[in-house]
């Protein structure tokens, strides 16, 4: 018997400075990926492209946005890297990041 299950973590940063991108977005994704990897679960994640593009647009005036955007890049790279030699396990839902992900799966990860 196969069970198909969808888990949704839809973070909201509020746009008014009350949301914390690391605790609402980065850490939950890292934890989910860790759980999924441990249980050999395949995951599909949204890369939040518009948020990333906005952070990059304003990073020179707000260095904290550059730091957050850099960290999100690394979170995605870690999430979508080939991590156990069995092939791609997680999938990115944004075509803007697809080229980065495909480059990653061609190169072996050394951890």
N, C-alpha and C. Protein backbone atom coordinates (compact mmCIF):
# COMPACT_ATOMS: atom_id res chain seq x y z
N UNK A 1 0.84 -1.18 0.00
CA UNK A 1 0.00 0.00 0.00
C UNK A 1 0.89 1.25 0.00
N UNK A 2 0.60 2.18 -0.88
CA UNK A 2 1.30 3.47 -0.92
C UNK A 2 0.46 4.54 -0.26
N UNK A 3 1.12 5.37 0.50
CA UNK A 3 0.44 6.51 1.12
C UNK A 3 1.05 7.77 0.52
N UNK A 4 0.22 8.65 0.02
CA UNK A 4 0.66 9.93 -0.51
C UNK A 4 0.21 11.00 0.46
N UNK A 5 1.16 11.78 0.94
CA UNK A 5 0.89 12.75 1.98
C UNK A 5 1.49 14.09 1.60
N UNK A 6 0.77 15.15 1.81
CA UNK A 6 1.29 16.50 1.55
C UNK A 6 1.41 17.24 2.87
N UNK A 7 2.61 17.69 3.18
CA UNK A 7 2.84 18.53 4.35
C UNK A 7 3.11 19.94 3.86
N UNK A 8 2.45 20.91 4.43
CA UNK A 8 2.58 22.28 3.97
C UNK A 8 3.07 23.16 5.11
N UNK A 9 4.10 23.92 4.82
CA UNK A 9 4.61 24.91 5.76
C UNK A 9 4.64 26.23 5.01
N UNK A 10 3.59 27.00 5.13
CA UNK A 10 3.49 28.27 4.42
C UNK A 10 3.82 29.40 5.39
N UNK A 11 5.03 29.92 5.27
CA UNK A 11 5.46 30.97 6.18
C UNK A 11 4.99 32.32 5.68
N UNK A 12 4.76 33.20 6.59
CA UNK A 12 4.39 34.57 6.26
C UNK A 12 5.29 35.51 7.05
N UNK A 13 6.02 36.34 6.34
CA UNK A 13 6.93 37.28 7.01
C UNK A 13 6.24 38.58 7.39
N UNK A 14 5.01 38.76 6.98
CA UNK A 14 4.16 39.90 7.32
C UNK A 14 4.52 41.18 6.57
N UNK A 15 5.73 41.32 6.08
CA UNK A 15 6.10 42.51 5.32
C UNK A 15 6.23 43.77 6.14
N UNK A 16 6.12 43.64 7.46
CA UNK A 16 6.19 44.83 8.30
C UNK A 16 7.30 44.74 9.35
N UNK A 17 8.22 43.81 9.14
CA UNK A 17 9.34 43.67 10.06
C UNK A 17 9.08 42.76 11.23
N UNK A 18 7.88 42.21 11.35
CA UNK A 18 7.58 41.35 12.50
C UNK A 18 7.95 39.89 12.26
N UNK A 19 8.16 39.49 11.03
CA UNK A 19 8.50 38.11 10.73
C UNK A 19 10.01 37.91 10.72
N UNK A 20 10.45 36.75 11.12
CA UNK A 20 11.88 36.43 11.11
C UNK A 20 12.12 35.32 10.09
N UNK A 21 12.79 35.66 9.00
CA UNK A 21 12.98 34.74 7.88
C UNK A 21 13.72 33.47 8.31
N UNK A 22 14.65 33.59 9.23
CA UNK A 22 15.41 32.41 9.65
C UNK A 22 14.54 31.43 10.45
N UNK A 23 13.77 31.93 11.39
CA UNK A 23 12.97 31.03 12.21
C UNK A 23 11.70 30.56 11.51
N UNK A 24 11.17 31.35 10.58
CA UNK A 24 9.94 30.98 9.90
C UNK A 24 10.16 30.22 8.60
N UNK A 25 11.32 30.40 7.97
CA UNK A 25 11.56 29.82 6.65
C UNK A 25 12.77 28.91 6.63
N UNK A 26 13.94 29.41 7.01
CA UNK A 26 15.18 28.65 6.84
C UNK A 26 15.23 27.42 7.74
N UNK A 27 15.02 27.62 9.03
CA UNK A 27 15.14 26.50 9.98
C UNK A 27 14.09 25.42 9.75
N UNK A 28 12.81 25.78 9.50
CA UNK A 28 11.84 24.71 9.20
C UNK A 28 12.22 23.88 7.97
N UNK A 29 12.74 24.54 6.92
CA UNK A 29 13.15 23.78 5.73
C UNK A 29 14.32 22.86 6.07
N UNK A 30 15.30 23.37 6.80
CA UNK A 30 16.43 22.52 7.19
C UNK A 30 15.96 21.30 8.00
N UNK A 31 15.04 21.53 8.93
CA UNK A 31 14.53 20.42 9.75
C UNK A 31 13.75 19.41 8.91
N UNK A 32 12.88 19.92 8.03
CA UNK A 32 12.12 19.01 7.16
C UNK A 32 13.03 18.18 6.28
N UNK A 33 14.02 18.81 5.68
CA UNK A 33 14.95 18.08 4.82
C UNK A 33 15.68 17.01 5.62
N UNK A 34 16.09 17.33 6.83
CA UNK A 34 16.75 16.34 7.69
C UNK A 34 15.85 15.15 7.98
N UNK A 35 14.60 15.42 8.30
CA UNK A 35 13.63 14.35 8.57
C UNK A 35 13.39 13.53 7.32
N UNK A 36 13.15 14.22 6.20
CA UNK A 36 12.90 13.52 4.94
C UNK A 36 14.09 12.65 4.55
N UNK A 37 15.29 13.17 4.70
CA UNK A 37 16.47 12.39 4.36
C UNK A 37 16.58 11.15 5.23
N UNK A 38 16.34 11.32 6.52
CA UNK A 38 16.45 10.19 7.45
C UNK A 38 15.44 9.09 7.13
N UNK A 39 14.28 9.47 6.61
CA UNK A 39 13.21 8.51 6.31
C UNK A 39 13.11 8.17 4.83
N UNK A 40 14.05 8.66 4.02
CA UNK A 40 14.04 8.43 2.56
C UNK A 40 12.74 8.90 1.92
N UNK A 41 12.26 10.05 2.36
CA UNK A 41 11.05 10.64 1.80
C UNK A 41 11.47 11.65 0.72
N UNK A 42 10.76 11.62 -0.40
CA UNK A 42 11.00 12.59 -1.46
C UNK A 42 10.20 13.85 -1.16
N UNK A 43 10.82 15.01 -1.33
CA UNK A 43 10.14 16.26 -1.02
C UNK A 43 10.11 17.20 -2.21
N UNK A 44 9.15 18.08 -2.20
CA UNK A 44 9.03 19.12 -3.21
C UNK A 44 8.86 20.43 -2.45
N UNK A 45 9.74 21.41 -2.74
CA UNK A 45 9.77 22.64 -1.97
C UNK A 45 9.68 23.85 -2.89
N UNK A 46 9.02 24.89 -2.40
CA UNK A 46 8.91 26.15 -3.12
C UNK A 46 10.10 27.02 -2.76
N UNK A 47 10.76 27.58 -3.76
CA UNK A 47 11.99 28.32 -3.53
C UNK A 47 11.79 29.80 -3.18
N UNK A 48 10.57 30.31 -3.13
CA UNK A 48 10.31 31.71 -2.78
C UNK A 48 11.14 32.68 -3.62
N UNK A 49 10.95 32.64 -4.91
CA UNK A 49 11.76 33.41 -5.85
C UNK A 49 11.52 34.91 -5.72
N UNK A 50 10.28 35.35 -5.60
CA UNK A 50 10.02 36.79 -5.55
C UNK A 50 10.62 37.41 -4.30
N UNK A 51 10.56 36.70 -3.19
CA UNK A 51 11.21 37.20 -1.98
C UNK A 51 12.71 37.33 -2.21
N UNK A 52 13.30 36.33 -2.83
CA UNK A 52 14.75 36.35 -3.08
C UNK A 52 15.13 37.51 -4.01
N UNK A 53 14.37 37.70 -5.05
CA UNK A 53 14.65 38.80 -5.99
C UNK A 53 14.50 40.16 -5.30
N UNK A 54 13.53 40.29 -4.42
CA UNK A 54 13.34 41.55 -3.69
C UNK A 54 14.50 41.78 -2.72
N UNK A 55 14.91 40.73 -2.02
CA UNK A 55 16.07 40.86 -1.12
C UNK A 55 17.29 41.30 -1.91
N UNK A 56 17.52 40.68 -3.05
CA UNK A 56 18.69 41.03 -3.87
C UNK A 56 18.59 42.47 -4.39
N UNK A 57 17.40 42.90 -4.74
CA UNK A 57 17.21 44.26 -5.27
C UNK A 57 17.60 45.32 -4.22
N UNK A 58 17.34 45.04 -2.96
CA UNK A 58 17.55 46.02 -1.90
C UNK A 58 18.76 45.72 -1.01
N UNK A 59 19.57 44.74 -1.39
CA UNK A 59 20.66 44.31 -0.51
C UNK A 59 21.75 45.36 -0.32
N UNK A 60 21.95 46.26 -1.27
CA UNK A 60 23.00 47.26 -1.09
C UNK A 60 22.61 48.30 -0.05
N UNK A 61 21.31 48.62 0.04
CA UNK A 61 20.86 49.58 1.06
C UNK A 61 20.63 48.91 2.41
N UNK A 62 20.41 47.59 2.39
CA UNK A 62 20.08 46.84 3.62
C UNK A 62 20.94 45.57 3.66
N UNK A 63 22.13 45.65 4.22
CA UNK A 63 23.03 44.49 4.24
C UNK A 63 22.43 43.24 4.88
N UNK A 64 21.48 43.41 5.79
CA UNK A 64 20.83 42.25 6.40
C UNK A 64 20.05 41.44 5.38
N UNK A 65 19.57 42.10 4.32
CA UNK A 65 18.86 41.38 3.26
C UNK A 65 19.83 40.55 2.43
N UNK A 66 21.03 41.08 2.20
CA UNK A 66 22.05 40.31 1.48
C UNK A 66 22.41 39.06 2.26
N UNK A 67 22.60 39.21 3.57
CA UNK A 67 22.93 38.05 4.42
C UNK A 67 21.82 37.01 4.38
N UNK A 68 20.57 37.47 4.44
CA UNK A 68 19.44 36.54 4.39
C UNK A 68 19.34 35.87 3.03
N UNK A 69 19.54 36.63 1.94
CA UNK A 69 19.48 36.06 0.60
C UNK A 69 20.61 35.05 0.38
N UNK A 70 21.79 35.36 0.86
CA UNK A 70 22.92 34.42 0.76
C UNK A 70 22.62 33.13 1.52
N UNK A 71 22.05 33.29 2.71
CA UNK A 71 21.73 32.11 3.52
C UNK A 71 20.65 31.27 2.84
N UNK A 72 19.63 31.92 2.26
CA UNK A 72 18.58 31.18 1.56
C UNK A 72 19.14 30.42 0.36
N UNK A 73 20.07 31.05 -0.37
CA UNK A 73 20.75 30.33 -1.46
C UNK A 73 21.37 29.05 -0.93
N UNK A 74 22.07 29.15 0.20
CA UNK A 74 22.75 27.97 0.75
C UNK A 74 21.76 26.93 1.27
N UNK A 75 20.67 27.38 1.86
CA UNK A 75 19.63 26.44 2.33
C UNK A 75 19.11 25.63 1.14
N UNK A 76 18.84 26.32 0.02
CA UNK A 76 18.33 25.63 -1.17
C UNK A 76 19.38 24.68 -1.75
N UNK A 77 20.61 25.15 -1.83
CA UNK A 77 21.69 24.29 -2.34
C UNK A 77 21.79 23.03 -1.50
N UNK A 78 21.77 23.18 -0.19
CA UNK A 78 21.85 22.02 0.71
C UNK A 78 20.64 21.10 0.55
N UNK A 79 19.46 21.69 0.40
CA UNK A 79 18.24 20.88 0.30
C UNK A 79 18.19 20.07 -0.98
N UNK A 80 18.69 20.63 -2.07
CA UNK A 80 18.54 19.97 -3.36
C UNK A 80 19.79 19.25 -3.85
N UNK A 81 20.82 19.23 -3.04
CA UNK A 81 22.05 18.53 -3.42
C UNK A 81 21.83 17.02 -3.33
N UNK A 82 22.53 16.30 -4.17
CA UNK A 82 22.52 14.84 -4.05
C UNK A 82 23.21 14.51 -2.74
N UNK A 83 22.50 13.86 -1.84
CA UNK A 83 23.03 13.73 -0.50
C UNK A 83 23.36 12.31 -0.07
N UNK A 84 23.03 11.32 -0.85
CA UNK A 84 23.34 9.96 -0.39
C UNK A 84 23.76 9.02 -1.52
N UNK A 85 24.01 9.57 -2.70
CA UNK A 85 24.45 8.75 -3.83
C UNK A 85 23.32 8.04 -4.56
N UNK A 86 22.09 8.17 -4.09
CA UNK A 86 20.98 7.46 -4.73
C UNK A 86 20.28 8.29 -5.80
N UNK A 87 20.73 9.50 -6.02
CA UNK A 87 20.09 10.35 -7.01
C UNK A 87 19.33 11.48 -6.35
N UNK A 88 18.70 12.27 -7.18
CA UNK A 88 17.99 13.44 -6.67
C UNK A 88 16.80 13.01 -5.82
N UNK A 89 16.73 13.56 -4.65
CA UNK A 89 15.67 13.17 -3.72
C UNK A 89 14.61 14.26 -3.58
N UNK A 90 15.01 15.52 -3.61
CA UNK A 90 14.07 16.61 -3.43
C UNK A 90 13.97 17.42 -4.72
N UNK A 91 12.86 18.10 -4.88
CA UNK A 91 12.60 18.80 -6.13
C UNK A 91 12.30 20.27 -5.85
N UNK A 92 12.76 21.12 -6.74
CA UNK A 92 12.51 22.56 -6.62
C UNK A 92 11.32 22.90 -7.50
N UNK A 93 10.44 23.76 -7.00
CA UNK A 93 9.23 24.10 -7.74
C UNK A 93 9.36 25.37 -8.56
N UNK A 94 10.49 26.02 -8.50
CA UNK A 94 10.67 27.26 -9.25
C UNK A 94 11.66 27.04 -10.38
N UNK A 95 11.25 27.33 -11.59
CA UNK A 95 12.13 27.15 -12.74
C UNK A 95 13.32 28.10 -12.72
N UNK A 96 13.22 29.21 -11.99
CA UNK A 96 14.34 30.14 -11.91
C UNK A 96 15.54 29.52 -11.21
N UNK A 97 15.30 28.57 -10.29
CA UNK A 97 16.39 27.92 -9.58
C UNK A 97 16.76 26.56 -10.20
N UNK A 98 16.03 26.14 -11.21
CA UNK A 98 16.23 24.81 -11.77
C UNK A 98 17.64 24.61 -12.31
N UNK A 99 18.21 25.61 -12.98
CA UNK A 99 19.57 25.47 -13.51
C UNK A 99 20.59 25.24 -12.41
N UNK A 100 20.45 25.94 -11.29
CA UNK A 100 21.35 25.75 -10.15
C UNK A 100 21.23 24.34 -9.62
N UNK A 101 20.00 23.88 -9.48
CA UNK A 101 19.77 22.53 -8.95
C UNK A 101 20.34 21.48 -9.89
N UNK A 102 20.11 21.64 -11.17
CA UNK A 102 20.63 20.66 -12.12
C UNK A 102 22.15 20.63 -12.12
N UNK A 103 22.80 21.77 -11.95
CA UNK A 103 24.26 21.79 -11.83
C UNK A 103 24.70 21.02 -10.60
N UNK A 104 23.96 21.16 -9.52
CA UNK A 104 24.32 20.48 -8.28
C UNK A 104 24.22 18.96 -8.41
N UNK A 105 23.19 18.47 -9.09
CA UNK A 105 23.01 17.03 -9.15
C UNK A 105 24.03 16.36 -10.08
N UNK A 106 24.71 17.14 -10.90
CA UNK A 106 25.75 16.59 -11.76
C UNK A 106 27.06 16.39 -11.01
N UNK A 107 27.24 17.11 -9.91
CA UNK A 107 28.49 17.06 -9.15
C UNK A 107 28.27 16.27 -7.86
N UNK A 108 29.16 15.35 -7.55
CA UNK A 108 29.01 14.61 -6.29
C UNK A 108 29.21 15.54 -5.10
N UNK A 109 28.44 15.31 -4.06
CA UNK A 109 28.56 16.10 -2.84
C UNK A 109 29.53 15.41 -1.90
N UNK A 110 30.45 16.16 -1.37
CA UNK A 110 31.40 15.60 -0.40
C UNK A 110 31.16 16.27 0.94
N UNK A 111 30.56 15.53 1.85
CA UNK A 111 30.29 16.03 3.20
C UNK A 111 31.04 15.21 4.21
